[in-house]
Amino acid sequence: MSKVDELIAANRREREESYRRLALKLYPHVCGRCAREFSGKRLSELTVHHRDHNHDNNPADGSNWELLCLYCHDNEHARYTDQQYYREATPGSDKPATATYKALGDLARLLGKS
């Protein structure tokens, strides 16, 4: 890792620690999705999620943040990634396409029923 990369990483860690500290002062120590409470050593399992997914958008009032536990935070990012992938997979369409696959659609034929 080059010296520049190390400086950038250190700056990012420092910035993340500062908005995390502020978010923990502003909000109760509860996950915004599953409502689990955190305290003591388990407080490290509570993360700051950026609602607009822009980690550079850190207003002092915390309006772009919510506290999520590790599990809910991972789930939120997975949902966002899926949404972005789905949009790219259906170009030119503003509304999502409906599912066409029917898992048990051919079951009657397989069972010999008409």
PDB file of N, CA and C in Angstrom:
ATOM      1  N   MET A   1       0.850  -1.174   0.000  1.00  0.00           N
ATOM      2  CA  MET A   1       0.000   0.000   0.000  1.00  0.00           C
ATOM      3  C   MET A   1       0.896   1.238   0.000  1.00  0.00           C
ATOM      4  N   SER A   2       0.578   2.159  -0.887  1.00  0.00           N
ATOM      5  CA  SER A   2       1.398   3.361  -0.988  1.00  0.00           C
ATOM      6  C   SER A   2       1.077   4.333   0.143  1.00  0.00           C
ATOM      7  N   LYS A   3       1.947   5.305   0.298  1.00  0.00           N
ATOM      8  CA  LYS A   3       1.780   6.322   1.350  1.00  0.00           C
ATOM      9  C   LYS A   3       0.476   7.107   1.139  1.00  0.00           C
ATOM     10  N   VAL A   4       0.148   7.411  -0.103  1.00  0.00           N
ATOM     11  CA  VAL A   4      -1.078   8.149  -0.406  1.00  0.00           C
ATOM     12  C   VAL A   4      -2.298   7.318  -0.009  1.00  0.00           C
ATOM     13  N   ASP A   5      -2.291   6.025  -0.341  1.00  0.00           N
ATOM     14  CA  ASP A   5      -3.400   5.139   0.024  1.00  0.00           C
ATOM     15  C   ASP A   5      -3.564   5.048   1.534  1.00  0.00           C
ATOM     16  N   GLU A   6      -2.444   5.006   2.236  1.00  0.00           N
ATOM     17  CA  GLU A   6      -2.497   4.946   3.701  1.00  0.00           C
ATOM     18  C   GLU A   6      -3.106   6.224   4.281  1.00  0.00           C
ATOM     19  N   LEU A   7      -2.738   7.389   3.724  1.00  0.00           N
ATOM     20  CA  LEU A   7      -3.288   8.656   4.192  1.00  0.00           C
ATOM     21  C   LEU A   7      -4.792   8.752   3.917  1.00  0.00           C
ATOM     22  N   ILE A   8      -5.205   8.307   2.742  1.00  0.00           N
ATOM     23  CA  ILE A   8      -6.629   8.324   2.399  1.00  0.00           C
ATOM     24  C   ILE A   8      -7.411   7.408   3.332  1.00  0.00           C
ATOM     25  N   ALA A   9      -6.894   6.215   3.594  1.00  0.00           N
ATOM     26  CA  ALA A   9      -7.561   5.263   4.486  1.00  0.00           C
ATOM     27  C   ALA A   9      -7.650   5.825   5.911  1.00  0.00           C
ATOM     28  N   ALA A  10      -6.588   6.459   6.369  1.00  0.00           N
ATOM     29  CA  ALA A  10      -6.596   7.040   7.714  1.00  0.00           C
ATOM     30  C   ALA A  10      -7.607   8.176   7.808  1.00  0.00           C
ATOM     31  N   ASN A  11      -7.677   9.008   6.780  1.00  0.00           N
ATOM     32  CA  ASN A  11      -8.642  10.103   6.752  1.00  0.00           C
ATOM     33  C   ASN A  11     -10.072   9.560   6.765  1.00  0.00           C
ATOM     34  N   ARG A  12     -10.322   8.516   5.995  1.00  0.00           N
ATOM     35  CA  ARG A  12     -11.659   7.920   5.948  1.00  0.00           C
ATOM     36  C   ARG A  12     -12.050   7.339   7.306  1.00  0.00           C
ATOM     37  N   ARG A  13     -11.117   6.642   7.961  1.00  0.00           N
ATOM     38  CA  ARG A  13     -11.395   6.076   9.293  1.00  0.00           C
ATOM     39  C   ARG A  13     -11.709   7.175  10.303  1.00  0.00           C
ATOM     40  N   GLU A  14     -10.948   8.254  10.251  1.00  0.00           N
ATOM     41  CA  GLU A  14     -11.161   9.369  11.175  1.00  0.00           C
ATOM     42  C   GLU A  14     -12.536  10.009  10.946  1.00  0.00           C
ATOM     43  N   ARG A  15     -12.889  10.200   9.691  1.00  0.00           N
ATOM     44  CA  ARG A  15     -14.193  10.783   9.369  1.00  0.00           C
ATOM     45  C   ARG A  15     -15.330   9.870   9.834  1.00  0.00           C
ATOM     46  N   GLU A  16     -15.185   8.558   9.590  1.00  0.00           N
ATOM     47  CA  GLU A  16     -16.216   7.607  10.013  1.00  0.00           C
ATOM     48  C   GLU A  16     -16.373   7.591  11.523  1.00  0.00           C
ATOM     49  N   GLU A  17     -15.271   7.670  12.247  1.00  0.00           N
ATOM     50  CA  GLU A  17     -15.333   7.682  13.708  1.00  0.00           C
ATOM     51  C   GLU A  17     -16.036   8.943  14.206  1.00  0.00           C
ATOM     52  N   SER A  18     -15.818  10.081  13.535  1.00  0.00           N
ATOM     53  CA  SER A  18     -16.431  11.327  14.002  1.00  0.00           C
ATOM     54  C   SER A  18     -17.940  11.318  13.782  1.00  0.00           C
ATOM     55  N   TYR A  19     -18.428  10.868  12.612  1.00  0.00           N
ATOM     56  CA  TYR A  19     -19.873  10.867  12.430  1.00  0.00           C
ATOM     57  C   TYR A  19     -20.533   9.733  13.198  1.00  0.00           C
ATOM     58  N   ARG A  20     -19.823   8.664  13.464  1.00  0.00           N
ATOM     59  CA  ARG A  20     -20.377   7.602  14.306  1.00  0.00           C
ATOM     60  C   ARG A  20     -20.567   8.112  15.741  1.00  0.00           C
ATOM     61  N   ARG A  21     -19.564   8.798  16.241  1.00  0.00           N
ATOM     62  CA  ARG A  21     -19.632   9.352  17.601  1.00  0.00           C
ATOM     63  C   ARG A  21     -20.819  10.314  17.715  1.00  0.00           C
ATOM     64  N   LEU A  22     -20.998  11.168  16.701  1.00  0.00           N
ATOM     65  CA  LEU A  22     -22.108  12.116  16.709  1.00  0.00           C
ATOM     66  C   LEU A  22     -23.456  11.394  16.599  1.00  0.00           C
ATOM     67  N   ALA A  23     -23.540  10.394  15.736  1.00  0.00           N
ATOM     68  CA  ALA A  23     -24.794   9.644  15.574  1.00  0.00           C
ATOM     69  C   ALA A  23     -25.181   8.936  16.864  1.00  0.00           C
ATOM     70  N   LEU A  24     -24.202   8.411  17.589  1.00  0.00           N
ATOM     71  CA  LEU A  24     -24.495   7.731  18.855  1.00  0.00           C
ATOM     72  C   LEU A  24     -24.961   8.717  19.924  1.00  0.00           C
ATOM     73  N   LYS A  25     -24.585   9.993  19.784  1.00  0.00           N
ATOM     74  CA  LYS A  25     -25.082  11.009  20.719  1.00  0.00           C
ATOM     75  C   LYS A  25     -26.499  11.442  20.345  1.00  0.00           C
ATOM     76  N   LEU A  26     -26.789  11.506  19.048  1.00  0.00           N
ATOM     77  CA  LEU A  26     -28.075  12.003  18.577  1.00  0.00           C
ATOM     78  C   LEU A  26     -29.213  10.992  18.723  1.00  0.00           C
ATOM     79  N   TYR A  27     -28.915   9.733  18.481  1.00  0.00           N
ATOM     80  CA  TYR A  27     -29.967   8.719  18.402  1.00  0.00           C
ATOM     81  C   TYR A  27     -29.892   7.747  19.571  1.00  0.00           C
ATOM     82  N   PRO A  28     -31.042   7.177  19.952  1.00  0.00           N
ATOM     83  CA  PRO A  28     -31.008   6.128  20.979  1.00  0.00           C
ATOM     84  C   PRO A  28     -30.270   4.903  20.419  1.00  0.00           C
ATOM     85  N   HIS A  29     -29.711   4.129  21.278  1.00  0.00           N
ATOM     86  CA  HIS A  29     -28.900   2.978  20.862  1.00  0.00           C
ATOM     87  C   HIS A  29     -29.792   1.783  20.544  1.00  0.00           C
ATOM     88  N   VAL A  30     -30.611   1.968  19.535  1.00  0.00           N
ATOM     89  CA  VAL A  30     -31.585   0.970  19.103  1.00  0.00           C
ATOM     90  C   VAL A  30     -31.488   0.855  17.588  1.00  0.00           C
ATOM     91  N   CYS A  31     -31.556  -0.374  17.066  1.00  0.00           N
ATOM     92  CA  CYS A  31     -31.554  -0.580  15.623  1.00  0.00           C
ATOM     93  C   CYS A  31     -32.844  -0.019  15.032  1.00  0.00           C
ATOM     94  N   GLY A  32     -32.717   0.760  13.988  1.00  0.00           N
ATOM     95  CA  GLY A  32     -33.861   1.378  13.346  1.00  0.00           C
ATOM     96  C   GLY A  32     -34.750   0.412  12.598  1.00  0.00           C
ATOM     97  N   ARG A  33     -34.335  -0.832  12.411  1.00  0.00           N
ATOM     98  CA  ARG A  33     -35.146  -1.814  11.698  1.00  0.00           C
ATOM     99  C   ARG A  33     -35.720  -2.865  12.638  1.00  0.00           C
ATOM    100  N   CYS A  34     -34.868  -3.545  13.368  1.00  0.00           N
ATOM    101  CA  CYS A  34     -35.347  -4.662  14.201  1.00  0.00           C
ATOM    102  C   CYS A  34     -35.635  -4.239  15.641  1.00  0.00           C
ATOM    103  N   ALA A  35     -35.290  -3.010  15.989  1.00  0.00           N
ATOM    104  CA  ALA A  35     -35.564  -2.420  17.310  1.00  0.00           C
ATOM    105  C   ALA A  35     -34.814  -3.083  18.459  1.00  0.00           C
ATOM    106  N   ARG A  36     -33.737  -3.811  18.171  1.00  0.00           N
ATOM    107  CA  ARG A  36     -32.907  -4.364  19.253  1.00  0.00           C
ATOM    108  C   ARG A  36     -32.144  -3.232  19.914  1.00  0.00           C
ATOM    109  N   GLU A  37     -31.994  -3.325  21.219  1.00  0.00           N
ATOM    110  CA  GLU A  37     -31.252  -2.320  21.976  1.00  0.00           C
ATOM    111  C   GLU A  37     -29.810  -2.778  22.163  1.00  0.00           C
ATOM    112  N   PHE A  38     -28.893  -1.812  22.181  1.00  0.00           N
ATOM    113  CA  PHE A  38     -27.476  -2.111  22.311  1.00  0.00           C
ATOM    114  C   PHE A  38     -26.861  -1.251  23.401  1.00  0.00           C
ATOM    115  N   SER A  39     -25.955  -1.860  24.158  1.00  0.00           N
ATOM    116  CA  SER A  39     -25.231  -1.130  25.195  1.00  0.00           C
ATOM    117  C   SER A  39     -23.933  -1.867  25.489  1.00  0.00           C
ATOM    118  N   GLY A  40     -23.050  -1.197  26.200  1.00  0.00           N
ATOM    119  CA  GLY A  40     -21.789  -1.807  26.600  1.00  0.00           C
ATOM    120  C   GLY A  40     -20.949  -2.254  25.413  1.00  0.00           C
ATOM    121  N   LYS A  41     -20.376  -3.455  25.512  1.00  0.00           N
ATOM    122  CA  LYS A  41     -19.524  -3.988  24.446  1.00  0.00           C
ATOM    123  C   LYS A  41     -20.300  -4.221  23.150  1.00  0.00           C
ATOM    124  N   ARG A  42     -21.589  -4.492  23.262  1.00  0.00           N
ATOM    125  CA  ARG A  42     -22.399  -4.789  22.075  1.00  0.00           C
ATOM    126  C   ARG A  42     -22.716  -3.535  21.267  1.00  0.00           C
ATOM    127  N   LEU A  43     -22.382  -2.365  21.789  1.00  0.00           N
ATOM    128  CA  LEU A  43     -22.616  -1.124  21.058  1.00  0.00           C
ATOM    129  C   LEU A  43     -21.831  -1.101  19.746  1.00  0.00           C
ATOM    130  N   SER A  44     -20.745  -1.857  19.698  1.00  0.00           N
ATOM    131  CA  SER A  44     -19.949  -1.924  18.467  1.00  0.00           C
ATOM    132  C   SER A  44     -20.712  -2.612  17.338  1.00  0.00           C
ATOM    133  N   GLU A  45     -21.793  -3.345  17.648  1.00  0.00           N
ATOM    134  CA  GLU A  45     -22.601  -4.014  16.628  1.00  0.00           C
ATOM    135  C   GLU A  45     -23.600  -3.059  15.974  1.00  0.00           C
ATOM    136  N   LEU A  46     -23.681  -1.842  16.472  1.00  0.00           N
ATOM    137  CA  LEU A  46     -24.592  -0.841  15.922  1.00  0.00           C
ATOM    138  C   LEU A  46     -23.811   0.033  14.941  1.00  0.00           C
ATOM    139  N   THR A  47     -24.292   0.125  13.717  1.00  0.00           N
ATOM    140  CA  THR A  47     -23.576   0.859  12.668  1.00  0.00           C
ATOM    141  C   THR A  47     -24.377   2.076  12.219  1.00  0.00           C
ATOM    142  N   VAL A  48     -23.692   3.007  11.587  1.00  0.00           N
ATOM    143  CA  VAL A  48     -24.346   4.188  11.028  1.00  0.00           C
ATOM    144  C   VAL A  48     -24.612   3.909   9.549  1.00  0.00           C
ATOM    145  N   HIS A  49     -25.879   3.950   9.180  1.00  0.00           N
ATOM    146  CA  HIS A  49     -26.272   3.743   7.780  1.00  0.00           C
ATOM    147  C   HIS A  49     -26.622   5.085   7.165  1.00  0.00           C
ATOM    148  N   HIS A  50     -26.109   5.353   5.975  1.00  0.00           N
ATOM    149  CA  HIS A  50     -26.431   6.575   5.241  1.00  0.00           C
ATOM    150  C   HIS A  50     -27.669   6.303   4.395  1.00  0.00           C
ATOM    151  N   ARG A  51     -28.730   7.004   4.669  1.00  0.00           N
ATOM    152  CA  ARG A  51     -30.007   6.752   3.991  1.00  0.00           C
ATOM    153  C   ARG A  51     -29.913   6.929   2.483  1.00  0.00           C
ATOM    154  N   ASP A  52     -29.118   7.883   2.025  1.00  0.00           N
ATOM    155  CA  ASP A  52     -28.990   8.088   0.580  1.00  0.00           C
ATOM    156  C   ASP A  52     -27.800   7.322  -0.009  1.00  0.00           C
ATOM    157  N   HIS A  53     -27.157   6.504   0.794  1.00  0.00           N
ATOM    158  CA  HIS A  53     -26.008   5.662   0.408  1.00  0.00           C
ATOM    159  C   HIS A  53     -24.800   6.481  -0.026  1.00  0.00           C
ATOM    160  N   ASN A  54     -24.755   7.756   0.347  1.00  0.00           N
ATOM    161  CA  ASN A  54     -23.629   8.628   0.035  1.00  0.00           C
ATOM    162  C   ASN A  54     -22.857   8.879   1.323  1.00  0.00           C
ATOM    163  N   HIS A  55     -21.706   8.256   1.454  1.00  0.00           N
ATOM    164  CA  HIS A  55     -20.922   8.358   2.683  1.00  0.00           C
ATOM    165  C   HIS A  55     -20.250   9.713   2.862  1.00  0.00           C
ATOM    166  N   ASP A  56     -20.322  10.547   1.848  1.00  0.00           N
ATOM    167  CA  ASP A  56     -19.779  11.894   1.973  1.00  0.00           C
ATOM    168  C   ASP A  56     -20.841  12.888   2.433  1.00  0.00           C
ATOM    169  N   ASN A  57     -22.100  12.471   2.478  1.00  0.00           N
ATOM    170  CA  ASN A  57     -23.198  13.331   2.912  1.00  0.00           C
ATOM    171  C   ASN A  57     -23.422  13.118   4.407  1.00  0.00           C
ATOM    172  N   ASN A  58     -22.794  13.958   5.215  1.00  0.00           N
ATOM    173  CA  ASN A  58     -22.834  13.828   6.671  1.00  0.00           C
ATOM    174  C   ASN A  58     -23.263  15.132   7.333  1.00  0.00           C
ATOM    175  N   PRO A  59     -24.555  15.494   7.207  1.00  0.00           N
ATOM    176  CA  PRO A  59     -25.006  16.733   7.849  1.00  0.00           C
ATOM    177  C   PRO A  59     -24.914  16.623   9.367  1.00  0.00           C
ATOM    178  N   ALA A  60     -24.621  17.731  10.011  1.00  0.00           N
ATOM    179  CA  ALA A  60     -24.417  17.739  11.466  1.00  0.00           C
ATOM    180  C   ALA A  60     -25.673  17.370  12.240  1.00  0.00           C
ATOM    181  N   ASP A  61     -26.853  17.571  11.618  1.00  0.00           N
ATOM    182  CA  ASP A  61     -28.093  17.216  12.317  1.00  0.00           C
ATOM    183  C   ASP A  61     -28.420  15.728  12.218  1.00  0.00           C
ATOM    184  N   GLY A  62     -27.627  14.975  11.461  1.00  0.00           N
ATOM    185  CA  GLY A  62     -27.814  13.528  11.358  1.00  0.00           C
ATOM    186  C   GLY A  62     -28.988  13.110  10.505  1.00  0.00           C
ATOM    187  N   SER A  63     -29.504  14.006   9.679  1.00  0.00           N
ATOM    188  CA  SER A  63     -30.698  13.698   8.899  1.00  0.00           C
ATOM    189  C   SER A  63     -30.474  12.634   7.817  1.00  0.00           C
ATOM    190  N   ASN A  64     -29.244  12.341   7.487  1.00  0.00           N
ATOM    191  CA  ASN A  64     -28.961  11.312   6.490  1.00  0.00           C
ATOM    192  C   ASN A  64     -28.538   9.984   7.133  1.00  0.00           C
ATOM    193  N   TRP A  65     -28.619   9.881   8.422  1.00  0.00           N
ATOM    194  CA  TRP A  65     -28.152   8.690   9.127  1.00  0.00           C
ATOM    195  C   TRP A  65     -29.301   7.959   9.810  1.00  0.00           C
ATOM    196  N   GLU A  66     -29.068   6.692  10.003  1.00  0.00           N
ATOM    197  CA  GLU A  66     -29.884   5.909  10.925  1.00  0.00           C
ATOM    198  C   GLU A  66     -28.983   4.825  11.495  1.00  0.00           C
ATOM    199  N   LEU A  67     -29.230   4.459  12.734  1.00  0.00           N
ATOM    200  CA  LEU A  67     -28.449   3.414  13.369  1.00  0.00           C
ATOM    201  C   LEU A  67     -29.096   2.063  13.064  1.00  0.00           C
ATOM    202  N   LEU A  68     -28.284   1.152  12.537  1.00  0.00           N
ATOM    203  CA  LEU A  68     -28.744  -0.193  12.228  1.00  0.00           C
ATOM    204  C   LEU A  68     -27.765  -1.202  12.808  1.00  0.00           C
ATOM    205  N   CYS A  69     -28.281  -2.337  13.253  1.00  0.00           N
ATOM    206  CA  CYS A  69     -27.382  -3.395  13.712  1.00  0.00           C
ATOM    207  C   CYS A  69     -26.655  -3.974  12.490  1.00  0.00           C
ATOM    208  N   LEU A  70     -25.619  -4.736  12.719  1.00  0.00           N
ATOM    209  CA  LEU A  70     -24.829  -5.293  11.626  1.00  0.00           C
ATOM    210  C   LEU A  70     -25.684  -6.076  10.633  1.00  0.00           C
ATOM    211  N   TYR A  71     -26.622  -6.861  11.153  1.00  0.00           N
ATOM    212  CA  TYR A  71     -27.436  -7.724  10.302  1.00  0.00           C
ATOM    213  C   TYR A  71     -28.390  -6.906   9.437  1.00  0.00           C
ATOM    214  N   CYS A  72     -29.076  -5.957  10.042  1.00  0.00           N
ATOM    215  CA  CYS A  72     -30.000  -5.114   9.282  1.00  0.00           C
ATOM    216  C   CYS A  72     -29.252  -4.224   8.292  1.00  0.00           C
ATOM    217  N   HIS A  73     -28.050  -3.776   8.661  1.00  0.00           N
ATOM    218  CA  HIS A  73     -27.248  -2.944   7.766  1.00  0.00           C
ATOM    219  C   HIS A  73     -26.830  -3.744   6.537  1.00  0.00           C
ATOM    220  N   ASP A  74     -26.370  -4.966   6.753  1.00  0.00           N
ATOM    221  CA  ASP A  74     -26.007  -5.818   5.618  1.00  0.00           C
ATOM    222  C   ASP A  74     -27.220  -6.083   4.733  1.00  0.00           C
ATOM    223  N   ASN A  75     -28.369  -6.333   5.361  1.00  0.00           N
ATOM    224  CA  ASN A  75     -29.591  -6.579   4.603  1.00  0.00           C
ATOM    225  C   ASN A  75     -29.989  -5.357   3.779  1.00  0.00           C
ATOM    226  N   GLU A  76     -29.886  -4.187   4.354  1.00  0.00           N
ATOM    227  CA  GLU A  76     -30.239  -2.956   3.653  1.00  0.00           C
ATOM    228  C   GLU A  76     -29.349  -2.752   2.434  1.00  0.00           C
ATOM    229  N   HIS A  77     -28.051  -2.999   2.578  1.00  0.00           N
ATOM    230  CA  HIS A  77     -27.142  -2.827   1.447  1.00  0.00           C
ATOM    231  C   HIS A  77     -27.369  -3.892   0.386  1.00  0.00           C
ATOM    232  N   ALA A  78     -27.710  -5.098   0.792  1.00  0.00           N
ATOM    233  CA  ALA A  78     -28.015  -6.157  -0.169  1.00  0.00           C
ATOM    234  C   ALA A  78     -29.271  -5.786  -0.962  1.00  0.00           C
ATOM    235  N   ARG A  79     -30.271  -5.248  -0.286  1.00  0.00           N
ATOM    236  CA  ARG A  79     -31.494  -4.826  -0.973  1.00  0.00           C
ATOM    237  C   ARG A  79     -31.199  -3.705  -1.964  1.00  0.00           C
ATOM    238  N   TYR A  80     -30.359  -2.770  -1.556  1.00  0.00           N
ATOM    239  CA  TYR A  80     -29.993  -1.649  -2.433  1.00  0.00           C
ATOM    240  C   TYR A  80     -29.232  -2.156  -3.654  1.00  0.00           C
ATOM    241  N   THR A  81     -28.309  -3.078  -3.441  1.00  0.00           N
ATOM    242  CA  THR A  81     -27.537  -3.650  -4.541  1.00  0.00           C
ATOM    243  C   THR A  81     -28.450  -4.394  -5.503  1.00  0.00           C
ATOM    244  N   ASP A  82     -29.379  -5.175  -4.976  1.00  0.00           N
ATOM    245  CA  ASP A  82     -30.340  -5.887  -5.818  1.00  0.00           C
ATOM    246  C   ASP A  82     -31.174  -4.906  -6.635  1.00  0.00           C
ATOM    247  N   GLN A  83     -31.599  -3.826  -6.010  1.00  0.00           N
ATOM    248  CA  GLN A  83     -32.403  -2.823  -6.697  1.00  0.00           C
ATOM    249  C   GLN A  83     -31.616  -2.195  -7.842  1.00  0.00           C
ATOM    250  N   GLN A  84     -30.362  -1.858  -7.592  1.00  0.00           N
ATOM    251  CA  GLN A  84     -29.532  -1.264  -8.636  1.00  0.00           C
ATOM    252  C   GLN A  84     -29.306  -2.249  -9.774  1.00  0.00           C
ATOM    253  N   TYR A  85     -29.061  -3.505  -9.436  1.00  0.00           N
ATOM    254  CA  TYR A  85     -28.848  -4.530 -10.457  1.00  0.00           C
ATOM    255  C   TYR A  85     -30.110  -4.707 -11.287  1.00  0.00           C
ATOM    256  N   TYR A  86     -31.263  -4.741 -10.632  1.00  0.00           N
ATOM    257  CA  TYR A  86     -32.525  -4.949 -11.332  1.00  0.00           C
ATOM    258  C   TYR A  86     -32.809  -3.802 -12.296  1.00  0.00           C
ATOM    259  N   ARG A  87     -32.519  -2.580 -11.877  1.00  0.00           N
ATOM    260  CA  ARG A  87     -32.718  -1.427 -12.764  1.00  0.00           C
ATOM    261  C   ARG A  87     -31.840  -1.539 -14.000  1.00  0.00           C
ATOM    262  N   GLU A  88     -30.591  -1.959 -13.799  1.00  0.00           N
ATOM    263  CA  GLU A  88     -29.673  -2.075 -14.929  1.00  0.00           C
ATOM    264  C   GLU A  88     -30.064  -3.232 -15.841  1.00  0.00           C
ATOM    265  N   ALA A  89     -30.693  -4.256 -15.276  1.00  0.00           N
ATOM    266  CA  ALA A  89     -31.068  -5.438 -16.052  1.00  0.00           C
ATOM    267  C   ALA A  89     -32.292  -5.177 -16.922  1.00  0.00           C
ATOM    268  N   THR A  90     -33.071  -4.149 -16.611  1.00  0.00           N
ATOM    269  CA  THR A  90     -34.258  -3.831 -17.401  1.00  0.00           C
ATOM    270  C   THR A  90     -34.168  -2.396 -17.906  1.00  0.00           C
ATOM    271  N   PRO A  91     -33.280  -2.151 -18.880  1.00  0.00           N
ATOM    272  CA  PRO A  91     -33.107  -0.786 -19.372  1.00  0.00           C
ATOM    273  C   PRO A  91     -34.365  -0.290 -20.087  1.00  0.00           C
ATOM    274  N   GLY A  92     -34.618   1.012 -19.970  1.00  0.00           N
ATOM    275  CA  GLY A  92     -35.737   1.624 -20.649  1.00  0.00           C
ATOM    276  C   GLY A  92     -37.074   1.413 -19.982  1.00  0.00           C
ATOM    277  N   SER A  93     -37.074   0.747 -18.850  1.00  0.00           N
ATOM    278  CA  SER A  93     -38.331   0.500 -18.163  1.00  0.00           C
ATOM    279  C   SER A  93     -38.334   1.221 -16.826  1.00  0.00           C
ATOM    280  N   ASP A  94     -39.304   2.104 -16.631  1.00  0.00           N
ATOM    281  CA  ASP A  94     -39.402   2.817 -15.364  1.00  0.00           C
ATOM    282  C   ASP A  94     -40.115   1.999 -14.308  1.00  0.00           C
ATOM    283  N   LYS A  95     -41.024   1.136 -14.741  1.00  0.00           N
ATOM    284  CA  LYS A  95     -41.712   0.301 -13.758  1.00  0.00           C
ATOM    285  C   LYS A  95     -41.169  -1.112 -13.845  1.00  0.00           C
ATOM    286  N   PRO A  96     -41.077  -1.784 -12.731  1.00  0.00           N
ATOM    287  CA  PRO A  96     -40.484  -3.117 -12.739  1.00  0.00           C
ATOM    288  C   PRO A  96     -41.333  -4.114 -13.521  1.00  0.00           C
ATOM    289  N   ALA A  97     -40.652  -5.016 -14.183  1.00  0.00           N
ATOM    290  CA  ALA A  97     -41.343  -6.072 -14.916  1.00  0.00           C
ATOM    291  C   ALA A  97     -41.914  -7.088 -13.928  1.00  0.00           C
ATOM    292  N   THR A  98     -42.996  -7.716 -14.319  1.00  0.00           N
ATOM    293  CA  THR A  98     -43.588  -8.728 -13.449  1.00  0.00           C
ATOM    294  C   THR A  98     -42.861 -10.057 -13.646  1.00  0.00           C
ATOM    295  N   ALA A  99     -42.901 -10.870 -12.630  1.00  0.00           N
ATOM    296  CA  ALA A  99     -42.240 -12.172 -12.708  1.00  0.00           C
ATOM    297  C   ALA A  99     -42.992 -13.061 -13.697  1.00  0.00           C
ATOM    298  N   THR A 100     -42.254 -13.812 -14.500  1.00  0.00           N
ATOM    299  CA  THR A 100     -42.883 -14.700 -15.473  1.00  0.00           C
ATOM    300  C   THR A 100     -42.698 -16.164 -15.110  1.00  0.00           C
ATOM    301  N   TYR A 101     -41.812 -16.470 -14.208  1.00  0.00           N
ATOM    302  CA  TYR A 101     -41.557 -17.845 -13.812  1.00  0.00           C
ATOM    303  C   TYR A 101     -42.544 -18.265 -12.742  1.00  0.00           C
ATOM    304  N   LYS A 102     -43.142 -19.418 -12.922  1.00  0.00           N
ATOM    305  CA  LYS A 102     -44.062 -19.972 -11.934  1.00  0.00           C
ATOM    306  C   LYS A 102     -43.468 -21.285 -11.447  1.00  0.00           C
ATOM    307  N   ALA A 103     -43.022 -21.295 -10.214  1.00  0.00           N
ATOM    308  CA  ALA A 103     -42.289 -22.438  -9.667  1.00  0.00           C
ATOM    309  C   ALA A 103     -43.072 -23.750  -9.759  1.00  0.00           C
ATOM    310  N   LEU A 104     -44.364 -23.720  -9.486  1.00  0.00           N
ATOM    311  CA  LEU A 104     -45.173 -24.940  -9.504  1.00  0.00           C
ATOM    312  C   LEU A 104     -46.149 -24.948 -10.675  1.00  0.00           C
ATOM    313  N   GLY A 105     -45.870 -24.171 -11.695  1.00  0.00           N
ATOM    314  CA  GLY A 105     -46.780 -24.032 -12.826  1.00  0.00           C
ATOM    315  C   GLY A 105     -47.029 -25.318 -13.585  1.00  0.00           C
ATOM    316  N   ASP A 106     -46.088 -26.216 -13.612  1.00  0.00           N
ATOM    317  CA  ASP A 106     -46.208 -27.457 -14.377  1.00  0.00           C
ATOM    318  C   ASP A 106     -46.472 -28.657 -13.464  1.00  0.00           C
ATOM    319  N   LEU A 107     -46.833 -28.415 -12.246  1.00  0.00           N
ATOM    320  CA  LEU A 107     -47.027 -29.489 -11.258  1.00  0.00           C
ATOM    321  C   LEU A 107     -48.156 -30.432 -11.646  1.00  0.00           C
ATOM    322  N   ALA A 108     -49.260 -29.892 -12.129  1.00  0.00           N
ATOM    323  CA  ALA A 108     -50.396 -30.743 -12.514  1.00  0.00           C
ATOM    324  C   ALA A 108     -49.984 -31.740 -13.593  1.00  0.00           C
ATOM    325  N   ARG A 109     -49.243 -31.300 -14.575  1.00  0.00           N
ATOM    326  CA  ARG A 109     -48.798 -32.197 -15.649  1.00  0.00           C
ATOM    327  C   ARG A 109     -47.866 -33.263 -15.098  1.00  0.00           C
ATOM    328  N   LEU A 110     -46.960 -32.854 -14.221  1.00  0.00           N
ATOM    329  CA  LEU A 110     -46.020 -33.821 -13.643  1.00  0.00           C
ATOM    330  C   LEU A 110     -46.729 -34.875 -12.791  1.00  0.00           C
ATOM    331  N   LEU A 111     -47.814 -34.511 -12.181  1.00  0.00           N
ATOM    332  CA  LEU A 111     -48.572 -35.447 -11.346  1.00  0.00           C
ATOM    333  C   LEU A 111     -49.575 -36.250 -12.175  1.00  0.00           C
ATOM    334  N   GLY A 112     -49.651 -35.945 -13.466  1.00  0.00           N
ATOM    335  CA  GLY A 112     -50.558 -36.696 -14.345  1.00  0.00           C
ATOM    336  C   GLY A 112     -51.989 -36.237 -14.274  1.00  0.00           C
ATOM    337  N   LYS A 113     -52.213 -35.037 -13.762  1.00  0.00           N
ATOM    338  CA  LYS A 113     -53.563 -34.488 -13.690  1.00  0.00           C
ATOM    339  C   LYS A 113     -53.744 -33.469 -14.792  1.00  0.00           C
ATOM    340  N   SER A 114     -54.924 -33.346 -15.264  1.00  0.00           N
ATOM    341  CA  SER A 114     -55.172 -32.365 -16.330  1.00  0.00           C
ATOM    342  C   SER A 114     -55.839 -31.129 -15.820  1.00  0.00           C
TER     343      SER A 114
END
